[in-house]
Amino acid sequence: MKQKYNEGYAFKLSGEELNLAERELKSTMSGSCKAVGKSGKIIMTAKKHELPKRLSMTQEVAKIIHRGLREEISGISLKEDLEGSYAVRKEFIDPDAKPEKNIESRIGNIISNRNNYVDLDNPNTVIKAYVLEDEIILGRLEQEIDRGKFDQRKNQDRPFSSPVSLDPKLARTLVNLSGIRPGEHILDPFCGTGGILIEAGLCGVGIAGTDIDEEMVEGCRKNLEEYGIINHDIRQESAEKAPEVFNREFDAIVTDLPYGRSSKKTEDIIETFMNSIESYDCRKVIMWNRDSLDGRSPDFSIDVHSSLTRYIYIID
């Protein structure tokens, strides 16, 4: 059956790493979706995303009320009437989209009726106009995702910190790439200070982790409890022994492999770990600082700064 994207939802992705942002969205939802526009910054879905607040690389979600050619905008009729105050806010998505100064007023004329009025400062309803090169998508804004909350969980603001810790937004992205759902269980065999497990726990996921360092294990527990994540299973153990230690199934494995100066010891740890997780029949999302892992090429790369590139591997 053909999906009716013009009756679904539009997700506006953040500007950085668009391919990764699209994969994150698709990993956390069921049903069909597709990117539109030359920039690929708008993803349309045939139905509402179940958990828009958990995304780290999406800025907002709007319920689509019209999709059509820009040249035909003045002649459209909307199926639903808006009541109360509203505001129209345009955004040019495609780099080739020609600016139109009066597009908000043209849309306002279509929306206006005796039961509503314009309020630019504090509207009850915001209508987003996503302007592509030839098309326009109108949507009722339903969710603005507060990505600033990730900054409140930065490494230096936790009870226990370490110089090596993932940015919370990136940690959440890795969790979402696994496709894990609330009530399922995730394992981080190199849990460190708990950055990945914090983000998973805040998504309603059951969490377990191991670390060889006793100080890290205790610090990880403190950090989890700081954010209200009480139900956790964090143990002091080497990563490759996790299958033996927990003796249970997990729905996803998400981890950031130890990195730094290359050494034979590190390579042996990684090889042993990769062999050990083959017993798990679940998706594995692994970040490392090398562009090859167990003979695999990375699915994504992220330039952290000029001298450090991180690679993401998704293993089904």
C-alpha atoms as a PDB file:
ATOM      1  CA  MET A   1       0.000   0.000   0.000  1.00  0.00           C
ATOM      2  CA  LYS A   2       1.339   3.430  -0.909  1.00  0.00           C
ATOM      3  CA  GLN A   3       2.342   5.492   2.113  1.00  0.00           C
ATOM      4  CA  LYS A   4       0.525   8.829   2.495  1.00  0.00           C
ATOM      5  CA  TYR A   5       3.432  10.987   3.575  1.00  0.00           C
ATOM      6  CA  ASN A   6       1.366  14.128   3.038  1.00  0.00           C
ATOM      7  CA  GLU A   7      -0.810  12.982   5.958  1.00  0.00           C
ATOM      8  CA  GLY A   8       2.043  11.986   8.239  1.00  0.00           C
ATOM      9  CA  TYR A   9       4.777  13.830  10.099  1.00  0.00           C
ATOM     10  CA  ALA A  10       7.834  15.874   9.170  1.00  0.00           C
ATOM     11  CA  PHE A  11      11.033  15.645  11.207  1.00  0.00           C
ATOM     12  CA  LYS A  12      13.558  18.462  10.840  1.00  0.00           C
ATOM     13  CA  LEU A  13      17.047  17.125  11.430  1.00  0.00           C
ATOM     14  CA  SER A  14      19.870  19.109  12.968  1.00  0.00           C
ATOM     15  CA  GLY A  15      22.395  20.456  10.514  1.00  0.00           C
ATOM     16  CA  GLU A  16      25.384  18.318  11.484  1.00  0.00           C
ATOM     17  CA  GLU A  17      25.947  14.782  10.168  1.00  0.00           C
ATOM     18  CA  LEU A  18      22.669  14.491   8.230  1.00  0.00           C
ATOM     19  CA  ASN A  19      23.204  10.871   7.176  1.00  0.00           C
ATOM     20  CA  LEU A  20      23.801   9.866  10.780  1.00  0.00           C
ATOM     21  CA  ALA A  21      20.766  11.866  11.935  1.00  0.00           C
ATOM     22  CA  GLU A  22      18.580  10.126   9.350  1.00  0.00           C
ATOM     23  CA  ARG A  23      19.831   6.691  10.422  1.00  0.00           C
ATOM     24  CA  GLU A  24      19.170   7.557  14.075  1.00  0.00           C
ATOM     25  CA  LEU A  25      15.575   8.483  13.289  1.00  0.00           C
ATOM     26  CA  LYS A  26      14.945   5.390  11.186  1.00  0.00           C
ATOM     27  CA  SER A  27      16.461   3.143  13.864  1.00  0.00           C
ATOM     28  CA  THR A  28      14.047   4.352  16.526  1.00  0.00           C
ATOM     29  CA  MET A  29      10.802   4.060  14.621  1.00  0.00           C
ATOM     30  CA  SER A  30       8.696   1.538  12.769  1.00  0.00           C
ATOM     31  CA  GLY A  31       7.068   2.141   9.411  1.00  0.00           C
ATOM     32  CA  SER A  32       8.178   3.886   6.236  1.00  0.00           C
ATOM     33  CA  CYS A  33       9.979   7.190   6.008  1.00  0.00           C
ATOM     34  CA  LYS A  34      11.856   9.125   3.374  1.00  0.00           C
ATOM     35  CA  ALA A  35      14.050  12.187   3.054  1.00  0.00           C
ATOM     36  CA  VAL A  36      12.836  15.068   0.902  1.00  0.00           C
ATOM     37  CA  GLY A  37      14.580  18.082  -0.525  1.00  0.00           C
ATOM     38  CA  LYS A  38      18.115  18.442  -1.819  1.00  0.00           C
ATOM     39  CA  SER A  39      19.570  18.902   1.643  1.00  0.00           C
ATOM     40  CA  GLY A  40      17.849  15.828   3.099  1.00  0.00           C
ATOM     41  CA  LYS A  41      17.139  17.825   6.250  1.00  0.00           C
ATOM     42  CA  ILE A  42      13.420  16.932   6.292  1.00  0.00           C
ATOM     43  CA  ILE A  43      12.341  13.332   6.888  1.00  0.00           C
ATOM     44  CA  MET A  44       8.679  12.514   6.282  1.00  0.00           C
ATOM     45  CA  THR A  45       6.938   9.597   7.926  1.00  0.00           C
ATOM     46  CA  ALA A  46       3.550   8.017   7.345  1.00  0.00           C
ATOM     47  CA  LYS A  47       2.754   8.095  11.040  1.00  0.00           C
ATOM     48  CA  LYS A  48       3.891   9.853  14.181  1.00  0.00           C
ATOM     49  CA  HIS A  49       7.146   8.847  15.780  1.00  0.00           C
ATOM     50  CA  GLU A  50       6.511   7.074  19.069  1.00  0.00           C
ATOM     51  CA  LEU A  51       9.299   8.732  21.079  1.00  0.00           C
ATOM     52  CA  PRO A  52      10.304  12.095  19.577  1.00  0.00           C
ATOM     53  CA  LYS A  53      11.879  13.310  22.819  1.00  0.00           C
ATOM     54  CA  ARG A  54      14.599  10.647  22.842  1.00  0.00           C
ATOM     55  CA  LEU A  55      16.228  11.758  19.581  1.00  0.00           C
ATOM     56  CA  SER A  56      19.513  13.637  19.764  1.00  0.00           C
ATOM     57  CA  MET A  57      19.933  14.753  16.147  1.00  0.00           C
ATOM     58  CA  THR A  58      16.386  15.947  15.411  1.00  0.00           C
ATOM     59  CA  GLN A  59      15.227  19.469  16.218  1.00  0.00           C
ATOM     60  CA  GLU A  60      11.456  19.391  15.769  1.00  0.00           C
ATOM     61  CA  VAL A  61       8.437  17.367  14.654  1.00  0.00           C
ATOM     62  CA  ALA A  62       5.423  18.733  12.765  1.00  0.00           C
ATOM     63  CA  LYS A  63       2.160  17.103  11.681  1.00  0.00           C
ATOM     64  CA  ILE A  64       1.876  17.592   7.930  1.00  0.00           C
ATOM     65  CA  ILE A  65      -1.252  19.470   6.849  1.00  0.00           C
ATOM     66  CA  HIS A  66      -0.217  20.156   3.253  1.00  0.00           C
ATOM     67  CA  ARG A  67       2.471  19.252   0.776  1.00  0.00           C
ATOM     68  CA  GLY A  68       2.530  20.642  -2.750  1.00  0.00           C
ATOM     69  CA  LEU A  69       4.209  22.845  -5.330  1.00  0.00           C
ATOM     70  CA  ARG A  70       5.268  26.300  -4.205  1.00  0.00           C
ATOM     71  CA  GLU A  71       3.631  27.920  -7.217  1.00  0.00           C
ATOM     72  CA  GLU A  72       0.258  26.478  -6.180  1.00  0.00           C
ATOM     73  CA  ILE A  73       0.333  27.607  -2.571  1.00  0.00           C
ATOM     74  CA  SER A  74      -2.257  30.359  -3.000  1.00  0.00           C
ATOM     75  CA  GLY A  75      -4.860  27.966  -4.357  1.00  0.00           C
ATOM     76  CA  ILE A  76      -4.762  25.253  -1.685  1.00  0.00           C
ATOM     77  CA  SER A  77      -7.487  24.478   0.825  1.00  0.00           C
ATOM     78  CA  LEU A  78      -6.669  22.911   4.171  1.00  0.00           C
ATOM     79  CA  LYS A  79      -8.712  20.025   5.561  1.00  0.00           C
ATOM     80  CA  GLU A  80      -8.567  21.286   9.133  1.00  0.00           C
ATOM     81  CA  ASP A  81      -9.495  24.685  10.572  1.00  0.00           C
ATOM     82  CA  LEU A  82      -7.284  26.276  13.187  1.00  0.00           C
ATOM     83  CA  GLU A  83      -8.843  27.837  16.252  1.00  0.00           C
ATOM     84  CA  GLY A  84      -7.284  30.366  18.608  1.00  0.00           C
ATOM     85  CA  SER A  85      -3.994  32.138  18.074  1.00  0.00           C
ATOM     86  CA  TYR A  86      -1.421  31.049  15.523  1.00  0.00           C
ATOM     87  CA  ALA A  87       1.818  32.068  13.842  1.00  0.00           C
ATOM     88  CA  VAL A  88       3.367  31.004  10.547  1.00  0.00           C
ATOM     89  CA  ARG A  89       7.123  30.510  10.508  1.00  0.00           C
ATOM     90  CA  LYS A  90       8.996  29.750   7.310  1.00  0.00           C
ATOM     91  CA  GLU A  91      12.291  27.962   6.899  1.00  0.00           C
ATOM     92  CA  PHE A  92      14.187  27.566   3.641  1.00  0.00           C
ATOM     93  CA  ILE A  93      15.455  23.992   3.654  1.00  0.00           C
ATOM     94  CA  ASP A  94      17.098  23.596   0.259  1.00  0.00           C
ATOM     95  CA  PRO A  95      20.125  25.692  -0.655  1.00  0.00           C
ATOM     96  CA  ASP A  96      18.538  26.377  -4.072  1.00  0.00           C
ATOM     97  CA  ALA A  97      15.187  27.487  -2.630  1.00  0.00           C
ATOM     98  CA  LYS A  98      14.435  31.020  -3.871  1.00  0.00           C
ATOM     99  CA  PRO A  99      13.423  33.380  -1.038  1.00  0.00           C
ATOM    100  CA  GLU A 100       9.856  34.703  -0.946  1.00  0.00           C
ATOM    101  CA  LYS A 101       9.246  37.676   1.315  1.00  0.00           C
ATOM    102  CA  ASN A 102       5.466  37.318   1.501  1.00  0.00           C
ATOM    103  CA  ILE A 103       5.122  33.585   1.944  1.00  0.00           C
ATOM    104  CA  GLU A 104       3.968  33.830   5.590  1.00  0.00           C
ATOM    105  CA  SER A 105       1.199  36.275   4.698  1.00  0.00           C
ATOM    106  CA  ARG A 106       0.055  34.101   1.783  1.00  0.00           C
ATOM    107  CA  ILE A 107      -0.200  31.100   4.081  1.00  0.00           C
ATOM    108  CA  GLY A 108      -1.874  33.253   6.731  1.00  0.00           C
ATOM    109  CA  ASN A 109      -4.580  34.220   4.242  1.00  0.00           C
ATOM    110  CA  ILE A 110      -5.318  30.530   3.685  1.00  0.00           C
ATOM    111  CA  ILE A 111      -5.431  29.720   7.388  1.00  0.00           C
ATOM    112  CA  SER A 112      -7.331  32.796   8.569  1.00  0.00           C
ATOM    113  CA  ASN A 113     -10.972  32.389   9.634  1.00  0.00           C
ATOM    114  CA  ARG A 114     -13.361  33.902  12.139  1.00  0.00           C
ATOM    115  CA  ASN A 115     -12.213  31.499  14.871  1.00  0.00           C
ATOM    116  CA  ASN A 116      -8.497  32.323  14.848  1.00  0.00           C
ATOM    117  CA  TYR A 117      -6.101  35.259  14.948  1.00  0.00           C
ATOM    118  CA  VAL A 118      -2.375  35.923  14.517  1.00  0.00           C
ATOM    119  CA  ASP A 119      -0.127  36.081  17.586  1.00  0.00           C
ATOM    120  CA  LEU A 120       3.560  36.148  16.700  1.00  0.00           C
ATOM    121  CA  ASP A 121       4.790  36.241  20.297  1.00  0.00           C
ATOM    122  CA  ASN A 122       2.828  33.513  22.104  1.00  0.00           C
ATOM    123  CA  PRO A 123       0.684  31.533  19.649  1.00  0.00           C
ATOM    124  CA  ASN A 124      -1.377  28.478  20.587  1.00  0.00           C
ATOM    125  CA  THR A 125      -0.390  26.884  17.273  1.00  0.00           C
ATOM    126  CA  VAL A 126       2.756  27.271  15.178  1.00  0.00           C
ATOM    127  CA  ILE A 127       2.520  26.428  11.494  1.00  0.00           C
ATOM    128  CA  LYS A 128       5.912  25.607  10.005  1.00  0.00           C
ATOM    129  CA  ALA A 129       6.462  26.226   6.312  1.00  0.00           C
ATOM    130  CA  TYR A 130       9.385  24.119   5.128  1.00  0.00           C
ATOM    131  CA  VAL A 131      10.363  25.613   1.777  1.00  0.00           C
ATOM    132  CA  LEU A 132      12.132  23.319  -0.673  1.00  0.00           C
ATOM    133  CA  GLU A 133      13.357  24.199  -4.169  1.00  0.00           C
ATOM    134  CA  ASP A 134       9.999  23.541  -5.861  1.00  0.00           C
ATOM    135  CA  GLU A 135       7.797  22.323  -3.026  1.00  0.00           C
ATOM    136  CA  ILE A 136       6.452  23.523   0.271  1.00  0.00           C
ATOM    137  CA  ILE A 137       5.476  21.438   3.291  1.00  0.00           C
ATOM    138  CA  LEU A 138       3.126  22.937   5.861  1.00  0.00           C
ATOM    139  CA  GLY A 139       3.034  21.348   9.282  1.00  0.00           C
ATOM    140  CA  ARG A 140       1.507  21.967  12.684  1.00  0.00           C
ATOM    141  CA  LEU A 141       4.458  22.059  15.095  1.00  0.00           C
ATOM    142  CA  GLU A 142       3.979  19.276  17.636  1.00  0.00           C
ATOM    143  CA  GLN A 143       7.332  18.874  19.322  1.00  0.00           C
ATOM    144  CA  GLU A 144      10.462  20.932  19.763  1.00  0.00           C
ATOM    145  CA  ILE A 145      13.215  18.687  21.088  1.00  0.00           C
ATOM    146  CA  ASP A 146      15.252  20.419  23.768  1.00  0.00           C
ATOM    147  CA  ARG A 147      18.758  19.359  22.783  1.00  0.00           C
ATOM    148  CA  GLY A 148      20.139  21.716  25.436  1.00  0.00           C
ATOM    149  CA  LYS A 149      19.283  19.139  28.097  1.00  0.00           C
ATOM    150  CA  PHE A 150      22.197  17.044  26.878  1.00  0.00           C
ATOM    151  CA  ASP A 151      24.560  19.836  27.928  1.00  0.00           C
ATOM    152  CA  GLN A 152      23.294  19.494  31.509  1.00  0.00           C
ATOM    153  CA  ARG A 153      24.695  15.965  31.581  1.00  0.00           C
ATOM    154  CA  LYS A 154      28.166  16.735  30.298  1.00  0.00           C
ATOM    155  CA  ASN A 155      31.051  14.784  31.765  1.00  0.00           C
ATOM    156  CA  GLN A 156      32.384  17.622  33.930  1.00  0.00           C
ATOM    157  CA  ASP A 157      28.997  18.164  35.597  1.00  0.00           C
ATOM    158  CA  ARG A 158      28.558  14.571  36.814  1.00  0.00           C
ATOM    159  CA  PRO A 159      29.488  13.378  40.327  1.00  0.00           C
ATOM    160  CA  PHE A 160      32.261  11.266  38.797  1.00  0.00           C
ATOM    161  CA  SER A 161      34.124  12.252  35.648  1.00  0.00           C
ATOM    162  CA  SER A 162      36.959  11.060  33.456  1.00  0.00           C
ATOM    163  CA  PRO A 163      38.996  12.815  30.761  1.00  0.00           C
ATOM    164  CA  VAL A 164      37.732  10.232  28.267  1.00  0.00           C
ATOM    165  CA  SER A 165      33.938  10.317  28.058  1.00  0.00           C
ATOM    166  CA  LEU A 166      31.460  10.586  25.212  1.00  0.00           C
ATOM    167  CA  ASP A 167      29.447  13.747  24.684  1.00  0.00           C
ATOM    168  CA  PRO A 168      25.858  13.008  25.872  1.00  0.00           C
ATOM    169  CA  LYS A 169      24.361  13.794  22.447  1.00  0.00           C
ATOM    170  CA  LEU A 170      26.695  11.321  20.776  1.00  0.00           C
ATOM    171  CA  ALA A 171      26.073   8.713  23.481  1.00  0.00           C
ATOM    172  CA  ARG A 172      22.300   9.076  22.935  1.00  0.00           C
ATOM    173  CA  THR A 173      22.810   8.727  19.188  1.00  0.00           C
ATOM    174  CA  LEU A 174      24.627   5.423  19.681  1.00  0.00           C
ATOM    175  CA  VAL A 175      21.810   4.155  21.906  1.00  0.00           C
ATOM    176  CA  ASN A 176      19.206   5.140  19.320  1.00  0.00           C
ATOM    177  CA  LEU A 177      21.156   3.520  16.487  1.00  0.00           C
ATOM    178  CA  SER A 178      20.726   0.204  18.285  1.00  0.00           C
ATOM    179  CA  GLY A 179      16.944   0.415  17.881  1.00  0.00           C
ATOM    180  CA  ILE A 180      16.498  -0.415  21.578  1.00  0.00           C
ATOM    181  CA  ARG A 181      12.977   0.063  22.986  1.00  0.00           C
ATOM    182  CA  PRO A 182      11.742   0.896  26.508  1.00  0.00           C
ATOM    183  CA  GLY A 183      11.605  -2.226  28.633  1.00  0.00           C
ATOM    184  CA  GLU A 184      14.359  -3.961  26.653  1.00  0.00           C
ATOM    185  CA  HIS A 185      17.902  -4.422  27.963  1.00  0.00           C
ATOM    186  CA  ILE A 186      21.213  -3.030  26.817  1.00  0.00           C
ATOM    187  CA  LEU A 187      24.811  -3.953  27.684  1.00  0.00           C
ATOM    188  CA  ASP A 188      27.896  -1.720  27.647  1.00  0.00           C
ATOM    189  CA  PRO A 189      30.938  -3.961  28.273  1.00  0.00           C
ATOM    190  CA  PHE A 190      33.309  -0.931  28.494  1.00  0.00           C
ATOM    191  CA  CYS A 191      30.974   1.255  30.525  1.00  0.00           C
ATOM    192  CA  GLY A 192      33.548   3.644  32.011  1.00  0.00           C
ATOM    193  CA  THR A 193      31.775   6.572  33.705  1.00  0.00           C
ATOM    194  CA  GLY A 194      28.419   5.452  32.322  1.00  0.00           C
ATOM    195  CA  GLY A 195      27.787   7.971  29.546  1.00  0.00           C
ATOM    196  CA  ILE A 196      26.056   5.480  27.244  1.00  0.00           C
ATOM    197  CA  LEU A 197      24.141   3.802  30.071  1.00  0.00           C
ATOM    198  CA  ILE A 198      22.870   7.143  31.401  1.00  0.00           C
ATOM    199  CA  GLU A 199      21.299   7.933  28.028  1.00  0.00           C
ATOM    200  CA  ALA A 200      19.848   4.426  27.704  1.00  0.00           C
ATOM    201  CA  GLY A 201      18.424   4.525  31.209  1.00  0.00           C
ATOM    202  CA  LEU A 202      16.737   7.881  30.563  1.00  0.00           C
ATOM    203  CA  CYS A 203      15.014   6.227  27.572  1.00  0.00           C
ATOM    204  CA  GLY A 204      13.429   3.619  29.853  1.00  0.00           C
ATOM    205  CA  VAL A 205      15.856   0.873  28.881  1.00  0.00           C
ATOM    206  CA  GLY A 206      17.189  -1.741  31.318  1.00  0.00           C
ATOM    207  CA  ILE A 207      20.951  -1.342  31.637  1.00  0.00           C
ATOM    208  CA  ALA A 208      23.965  -3.482  32.485  1.00  0.00           C
ATOM    209  CA  GLY A 209      27.676  -2.816  32.176  1.00  0.00           C
ATOM    210  CA  THR A 210      31.152  -3.986  33.012  1.00  0.00           C
ATOM    211  CA  ASP A 211      34.484  -2.269  33.505  1.00  0.00           C
ATOM    212  CA  ILE A 212      37.818  -3.679  34.604  1.00  0.00           C
ATOM    213  CA  ASP A 213      38.539  -0.623  36.798  1.00  0.00           C
ATOM    214  CA  GLU A 214      36.935  -0.656  40.274  1.00  0.00           C
ATOM    215  CA  GLU A 215      36.973   3.156  40.466  1.00  0.00           C
ATOM    216  CA  MET A 216      35.099   3.390  37.162  1.00  0.00           C
ATOM    217  CA  VAL A 217      32.492   0.886  38.324  1.00  0.00           C
ATOM    218  CA  GLU A 218      31.792   2.836  41.517  1.00  0.00           C
ATOM    219  CA  GLY A 219      31.802   6.133  39.618  1.00  0.00           C
ATOM    220  CA  CYS A 220      29.428   4.764  36.990  1.00  0.00           C
ATOM    221  CA  ARG A 221      26.964   3.732  39.690  1.00  0.00           C
ATOM    222  CA  LYS A 222      27.107   7.201  41.270  1.00  0.00           C
ATOM    223  CA  ASN A 223      26.480   8.877  37.931  1.00  0.00           C
ATOM    224  CA  LEU A 224      23.516   6.652  37.091  1.00  0.00           C
ATOM    225  CA  GLU A 225      21.886   7.302  40.452  1.00  0.00           C
ATOM    226  CA  GLU A 226      22.479  11.049  40.089  1.00  0.00           C
ATOM    227  CA  TYR A 227      20.040  10.989  37.157  1.00  0.00           C
ATOM    228  CA  GLY A 228      17.494   8.786  38.920  1.00  0.00           C
ATOM    229  CA  ILE A 229      18.546   5.537  37.234  1.00  0.00           C
ATOM    230  CA  ILE A 230      18.351   3.213  40.230  1.00  0.00           C
ATOM    231  CA  ASN A 231      17.815  -0.159  38.550  1.00  0.00           C
ATOM    232  CA  HIS A 232      21.184  -1.038  37.066  1.00  0.00           C
ATOM    233  CA  ASP A 233      23.627  -3.926  37.041  1.00  0.00           C
ATOM    234  CA  ILE A 234      27.213  -2.671  36.894  1.00  0.00           C
ATOM    235  CA  ARG A 235      29.996  -5.146  37.622  1.00  0.00           C
ATOM    236  CA  GLN A 236      33.770  -5.056  37.825  1.00  0.00           C
ATOM    237  CA  GLU A 237      34.874  -7.458  35.129  1.00  0.00           C
ATOM    238  CA  SER A 238      36.733  -7.562  31.829  1.00  0.00           C
ATOM    239  CA  ALA A 239      34.564  -6.944  28.771  1.00  0.00           C
ATOM    240  CA  GLU A 240      35.059 -10.327  27.140  1.00  0.00           C
ATOM    241  CA  LYS A 241      33.660 -12.090  30.220  1.00  0.00           C
ATOM    242  CA  ALA A 242      30.321 -10.263  30.108  1.00  0.00           C
ATOM    243  CA  PRO A 243      28.464 -13.184  28.450  1.00  0.00           C
ATOM    244  CA  GLU A 244      29.691 -15.503  31.210  1.00  0.00           C
ATOM    245  CA  VAL A 245      29.101 -13.014  34.051  1.00  0.00           C
ATOM    246  CA  PHE A 246      25.541 -12.002  33.164  1.00  0.00           C
ATOM    247  CA  ASN A 247      24.467 -15.314  31.629  1.00  0.00           C
ATOM    248  CA  ARG A 248      21.449 -13.757  29.934  1.00  0.00           C
ATOM    249  CA  GLU A 249      20.302 -12.313  26.625  1.00  0.00           C
ATOM    250  CA  PHE A 250      20.494  -8.620  25.763  1.00  0.00           C
ATOM    251  CA  ASP A 251      18.514  -6.742  23.133  1.00  0.00           C
ATOM    252  CA  ALA A 252      21.484  -4.561  22.138  1.00  0.00           C
ATOM    253  CA  ILE A 253      25.161  -4.036  22.876  1.00  0.00           C
ATOM    254  CA  VAL A 254      26.391  -0.447  22.667  1.00  0.00           C
ATOM    255  CA  THR A 255      29.908   0.548  23.627  1.00  0.00           C
ATOM    256  CA  ASP A 256      32.809   2.909  23.061  1.00  0.00           C
ATOM    257  CA  LEU A 257      35.957   0.835  22.717  1.00  0.00           C
ATOM    258  CA  PRO A 258      39.062   1.949  24.633  1.00  0.00           C
ATOM    259  CA  TYR A 259      41.378   4.021  22.490  1.00  0.00           C
ATOM    260  CA  GLY A 260      44.567   5.976  22.718  1.00  0.00           C
ATOM    261  CA  ARG A 261      48.104   4.924  21.938  1.00  0.00           C
ATOM    262  CA  SER A 262      48.177   1.788  19.805  1.00  0.00           C
ATOM    263  CA  SER A 263      49.445  -1.283  21.608  1.00  0.00           C
ATOM    264  CA  LYS A 264      49.426  -5.034  21.197  1.00  0.00           C
ATOM    265  CA  LYS A 265      47.563  -5.313  24.511  1.00  0.00           C
ATOM    266  CA  THR A 266      44.720  -3.088  23.271  1.00  0.00           C
ATOM    267  CA  GLU A 267      44.472  -5.036  20.026  1.00  0.00           C
ATOM    268  CA  ASP A 268      44.277  -8.318  21.942  1.00  0.00           C
ATOM    269  CA  ILE A 269      41.507  -6.932  24.188  1.00  0.00           C
ATOM    270  CA  ILE A 270      39.472  -5.803  21.181  1.00  0.00           C
ATOM    271  CA  GLU A 271      39.924  -9.109  19.348  1.00  0.00           C
ATOM    272  CA  THR A 272      38.892 -11.138  22.405  1.00  0.00           C
ATOM    273  CA  PHE A 273      35.909  -8.859  22.987  1.00  0.00           C
ATOM    274  CA  MET A 274      34.712  -9.132  19.382  1.00  0.00           C
ATOM    275  CA  ASN A 275      34.884 -12.914  19.594  1.00  0.00           C
ATOM    276  CA  SER A 276      32.934 -12.942  22.862  1.00  0.00           C
ATOM    277  CA  ILE A 277      29.964 -10.905  21.624  1.00  0.00           C
ATOM    278  CA  GLU A 278      29.332 -13.229  18.692  1.00  0.00           C
ATOM    279  CA  SER A 279      27.246 -15.281  21.118  1.00  0.00           C
ATOM    280  CA  TYR A 280      24.715 -12.434  21.356  1.00  0.00           C
ATOM    281  CA  ASP A 281      21.957 -12.424  18.743  1.00  0.00           C
ATOM    282  CA  CYS A 282      21.281  -8.689  18.787  1.00  0.00           C
ATOM    283  CA  ARG A 283      22.399  -5.459  17.175  1.00  0.00           C
ATOM    284  CA  LYS A 284      25.801  -4.153  18.237  1.00  0.00           C
ATOM    285  CA  VAL A 285      26.708  -0.484  17.924  1.00  0.00           C
ATOM    286  CA  ILE A 286      30.414   0.093  18.490  1.00  0.00           C
ATOM    287  CA  MET A 287      32.472   3.268  18.391  1.00  0.00           C
ATOM    288  CA  TRP A 288      36.245   3.216  17.908  1.00  0.00           C
ATOM    289  CA  ASN A 289      39.058   5.454  16.718  1.00  0.00           C
ATOM    290  CA  ARG A 290      40.094   3.246  13.792  1.00  0.00           C
ATOM    291  CA  ASP A 291      38.603   2.906  10.321  1.00  0.00           C
ATOM    292  CA  SER A 292      38.548  -0.897  10.452  1.00  0.00           C
ATOM    293  CA  LEU A 293      37.119  -3.218  13.089  1.00  0.00           C
ATOM    294  CA  ASP A 294      37.443  -6.984  12.803  1.00  0.00           C
ATOM    295  CA  GLY A 295      37.646  -6.591   9.010  1.00  0.00           C
ATOM    296  CA  ARG A 296      34.592  -4.313   8.838  1.00  0.00           C
ATOM    297  CA  SER A 297      34.378  -0.840   7.366  1.00  0.00           C
ATOM    298  CA  PRO A 298      32.644   1.813   9.480  1.00  0.00           C
ATOM    299  CA  ASP A 299      29.070   2.861   8.816  1.00  0.00           C
ATOM    300  CA  PHE A 300      29.740   6.452   9.878  1.00  0.00           C
ATOM    301  CA  SER A 301      32.679   8.665  10.797  1.00  0.00           C
ATOM    302  CA  ILE A 302      32.647  11.762  12.992  1.00  0.00           C
ATOM    303  CA  ASP A 303      35.395  14.378  13.133  1.00  0.00           C
ATOM    304  CA  VAL A 304      35.624  15.206  16.836  1.00  0.00           C
ATOM    305  CA  HIS A 305      38.425  17.685  16.213  1.00  0.00           C
ATOM    306  CA  SER A 306      41.291  18.165  13.755  1.00  0.00           C
ATOM    307  CA  SER A 307      43.331  15.266  15.112  1.00  0.00           C
ATOM    308  CA  LEU A 308      40.609  12.806  16.138  1.00  0.00           C
ATOM    309  CA  THR A 309      38.051  10.979  14.018  1.00  0.00           C
ATOM    310  CA  ARG A 310      35.664   8.478  15.620  1.00  0.00           C
ATOM    311  CA  TYR A 311      34.082   5.639  13.658  1.00  0.00           C
ATOM    312  CA  ILE A 312      30.715   3.977  14.240  1.00  0.00           C
ATOM    313  CA  TYR A 313      30.106   0.328  13.387  1.00  0.00           C
ATOM    314  CA  ILE A 314      26.597  -1.147  13.306  1.00  0.00           C
ATOM    315  CA  ILE A 315      26.613  -4.936  13.379  1.00  0.00           C
ATOM    316  CA  ASP A 316      23.316  -6.808  12.999  1.00  0.00           C
END
